[in-house]
Amino acid sequence: MAKCNNCGKSTSFGHNRSFSLRATNRTFKPNLQKVKVMEQGRLVKKTLCARCIKTLGKAAA
């Protein structure tokens, strides 16, 4: 399943709203990327959302 390994963010559901306000189902998918992260001195492959990648980048600097 598409899920961020850090924060757990996954697909959420909502509605498309047309001009007549008719509601049809839609999905909101997170921006997931496969990245290599240093964890306890080793390089580990993880699937992270863009927000988590940005936050980890700030913590490293």
N, C-alpha and C. Protein backbone atom coordinates (compact mmCIF):
# COMPACT_ATOMS: atom_id res chain seq x y z
N MET A 1 0.84 -1.19 0.00
CA MET A 1 0.00 0.00 0.00
C MET A 1 0.88 1.25 0.00
N ALA A 2 0.44 2.28 -0.69
CA ALA A 2 1.20 3.52 -0.75
C ALA A 2 1.08 4.25 0.58
N LYS A 3 2.22 4.30 1.33
CA LYS A 3 2.19 4.90 2.66
C LYS A 3 3.58 5.42 3.00
N CYS A 4 3.63 6.58 3.62
CA CYS A 4 4.90 7.15 4.06
C CYS A 4 5.42 6.36 5.25
N ASN A 5 6.71 5.94 5.19
CA ASN A 5 7.30 5.17 6.28
C ASN A 5 7.58 6.00 7.52
N ASN A 6 7.56 7.32 7.39
CA ASN A 6 7.87 8.19 8.52
C ASN A 6 6.60 8.66 9.25
N CYS A 7 5.65 9.25 8.52
CA CYS A 7 4.47 9.84 9.17
C CYS A 7 3.20 9.02 8.96
N GLY A 8 3.23 8.04 8.06
CA GLY A 8 2.06 7.20 7.85
C GLY A 8 1.02 7.78 6.92
N LYS A 9 1.36 8.87 6.24
CA LYS A 9 0.42 9.51 5.32
C LYS A 9 0.11 8.55 4.17
N SER A 10 -1.19 8.40 3.84
CA SER A 10 -1.59 7.52 2.75
C SER A 10 -2.75 8.17 2.00
N THR A 11 -3.29 7.45 1.04
CA THR A 11 -4.38 7.97 0.23
C THR A 11 -5.59 8.32 1.09
N SER A 12 -6.16 9.51 0.86
CA SER A 12 -7.38 9.91 1.55
C SER A 12 -8.46 10.16 0.50
N PHE A 13 -9.69 10.20 0.95
CA PHE A 13 -10.81 10.28 0.03
C PHE A 13 -11.63 11.54 0.28
N GLY A 14 -12.26 12.00 -0.79
CA GLY A 14 -13.10 13.19 -0.71
C GLY A 14 -14.06 13.21 -1.89
N HIS A 15 -14.48 14.42 -2.28
CA HIS A 15 -15.43 14.56 -3.38
C HIS A 15 -14.95 15.60 -4.37
N ASN A 16 -15.23 15.34 -5.66
CA ASN A 16 -15.17 16.38 -6.68
C ASN A 16 -16.47 17.14 -6.60
N ARG A 17 -16.41 18.46 -6.71
CA ARG A 17 -17.64 19.26 -6.71
C ARG A 17 -17.74 19.98 -8.04
N SER A 18 -18.78 19.68 -8.79
CA SER A 18 -19.00 20.33 -10.07
C SER A 18 -19.70 21.67 -9.85
N PHE A 19 -19.93 22.42 -10.93
CA PHE A 19 -20.60 23.72 -10.84
C PHE A 19 -21.99 23.58 -10.23
N SER A 20 -22.66 22.46 -10.51
CA SER A 20 -23.99 22.22 -9.95
C SER A 20 -23.93 21.64 -8.54
N LEU A 21 -22.70 21.53 -7.99
CA LEU A 21 -22.42 21.00 -6.65
C LEU A 21 -22.74 19.52 -6.51
N ARG A 22 -22.76 18.80 -7.63
CA ARG A 22 -22.90 17.34 -7.58
C ARG A 22 -21.59 16.77 -7.05
N ALA A 23 -21.67 15.85 -6.08
CA ALA A 23 -20.47 15.28 -5.45
C ALA A 23 -20.17 13.92 -6.06
N THR A 24 -18.97 13.77 -6.62
CA THR A 24 -18.50 12.47 -7.08
C THR A 24 -17.22 12.13 -6.33
N ASN A 25 -16.99 10.86 -6.10
CA ASN A 25 -15.84 10.44 -5.30
C ASN A 25 -14.53 10.70 -6.00
N ARG A 26 -13.50 11.01 -5.22
CA ARG A 26 -12.15 11.17 -5.74
C ARG A 26 -11.16 10.78 -4.65
N THR A 27 -9.88 10.63 -5.04
CA THR A 27 -8.83 10.28 -4.09
C THR A 27 -7.78 11.38 -4.07
N PHE A 28 -7.20 11.60 -2.91
CA PHE A 28 -6.07 12.50 -2.75
C PHE A 28 -4.87 11.63 -2.43
N LYS A 29 -3.90 11.57 -3.35
CA LYS A 29 -2.73 10.72 -3.17
C LYS A 29 -1.55 11.54 -2.68
N PRO A 30 -0.79 11.05 -1.70
CA PRO A 30 0.38 11.78 -1.21
C PRO A 30 1.52 11.72 -2.22
N ASN A 31 2.39 12.70 -2.15
CA ASN A 31 3.55 12.79 -3.04
C ASN A 31 4.67 11.93 -2.44
N LEU A 32 4.66 10.63 -2.76
CA LEU A 32 5.62 9.68 -2.19
C LEU A 32 6.82 9.51 -3.12
N GLN A 33 8.00 9.46 -2.51
CA GLN A 33 9.24 9.28 -3.24
C GLN A 33 10.05 8.19 -2.55
N LYS A 34 10.80 7.42 -3.34
CA LYS A 34 11.72 6.43 -2.78
C LYS A 34 13.08 7.10 -2.63
N VAL A 35 13.57 7.18 -1.39
CA VAL A 35 14.83 7.86 -1.11
C VAL A 35 15.72 6.99 -0.23
N LYS A 36 17.01 7.29 -0.25
CA LYS A 36 17.97 6.62 0.63
C LYS A 36 18.26 7.55 1.79
N VAL A 37 18.13 7.02 3.00
CA VAL A 37 18.28 7.82 4.22
C VAL A 37 19.33 7.18 5.12
N MET A 38 20.15 8.01 5.76
CA MET A 38 21.11 7.50 6.74
C MET A 38 20.36 7.24 8.04
N GLU A 39 20.39 5.98 8.51
CA GLU A 39 19.71 5.61 9.74
C GLU A 39 20.67 4.77 10.58
N GLN A 40 21.06 5.28 11.71
CA GLN A 40 22.00 4.61 12.61
C GLN A 40 23.29 4.22 11.89
N GLY A 41 23.81 5.13 11.06
CA GLY A 41 25.07 4.91 10.38
C GLY A 41 24.99 4.05 9.13
N ARG A 42 23.79 3.61 8.72
CA ARG A 42 23.66 2.82 7.49
C ARG A 42 22.70 3.51 6.53
N LEU A 43 22.88 3.23 5.25
CA LEU A 43 21.99 3.76 4.21
C LEU A 43 20.80 2.83 4.06
N VAL A 44 19.58 3.37 4.20
CA VAL A 44 18.35 2.58 4.15
C VAL A 44 17.42 3.18 3.12
N LYS A 45 16.80 2.32 2.28
CA LYS A 45 15.81 2.79 1.32
C LYS A 45 14.46 2.92 2.02
N LYS A 46 13.80 4.08 1.86
CA LYS A 46 12.50 4.30 2.46
C LYS A 46 11.59 5.00 1.46
N THR A 47 10.29 4.84 1.65
CA THR A 47 9.29 5.57 0.88
C THR A 47 8.77 6.68 1.77
N LEU A 48 9.07 7.94 1.40
CA LEU A 48 8.71 9.08 2.21
C LEU A 48 7.89 10.08 1.40
N CYS A 49 7.02 10.83 2.09
CA CYS A 49 6.28 11.89 1.42
C CYS A 49 7.21 13.11 1.30
N ALA A 50 6.85 14.03 0.43
CA ALA A 50 7.70 15.19 0.16
C ALA A 50 7.91 16.03 1.40
N ARG A 51 6.90 16.15 2.25
CA ARG A 51 7.03 16.94 3.48
C ARG A 51 8.07 16.34 4.41
N CYS A 52 8.08 15.01 4.55
CA CYS A 52 9.05 14.35 5.42
C CYS A 52 10.46 14.48 4.87
N ILE A 53 10.62 14.40 3.55
CA ILE A 53 11.94 14.57 2.93
C ILE A 53 12.45 15.98 3.23
N LYS A 54 11.58 16.97 3.11
CA LYS A 54 11.94 18.35 3.37
C LYS A 54 12.34 18.54 4.83
N THR A 55 11.59 17.96 5.75
CA THR A 55 11.87 18.09 7.17
C THR A 55 13.18 17.40 7.54
N LEU A 56 13.43 16.21 6.98
CA LEU A 56 14.70 15.51 7.26
C LEU A 56 15.89 16.30 6.72
N GLY A 57 15.70 16.97 5.60
CA GLY A 57 16.75 17.81 5.03
C GLY A 57 17.09 18.97 5.93
N LYS A 58 16.07 19.55 6.56
CA LYS A 58 16.28 20.68 7.48
C LYS A 58 17.03 20.22 8.72
N ALA A 59 16.68 19.02 9.23
CA ALA A 59 17.31 18.50 10.44
C ALA A 59 18.78 18.17 10.20
N ALA A 60 19.12 17.75 8.99
CA ALA A 60 20.49 17.37 8.69
C ALA A 60 21.40 18.60 8.56
N ALA A 61 20.83 19.72 8.15
CA ALA A 61 21.64 20.93 7.93
C ALA A 61 21.92 21.70 9.19
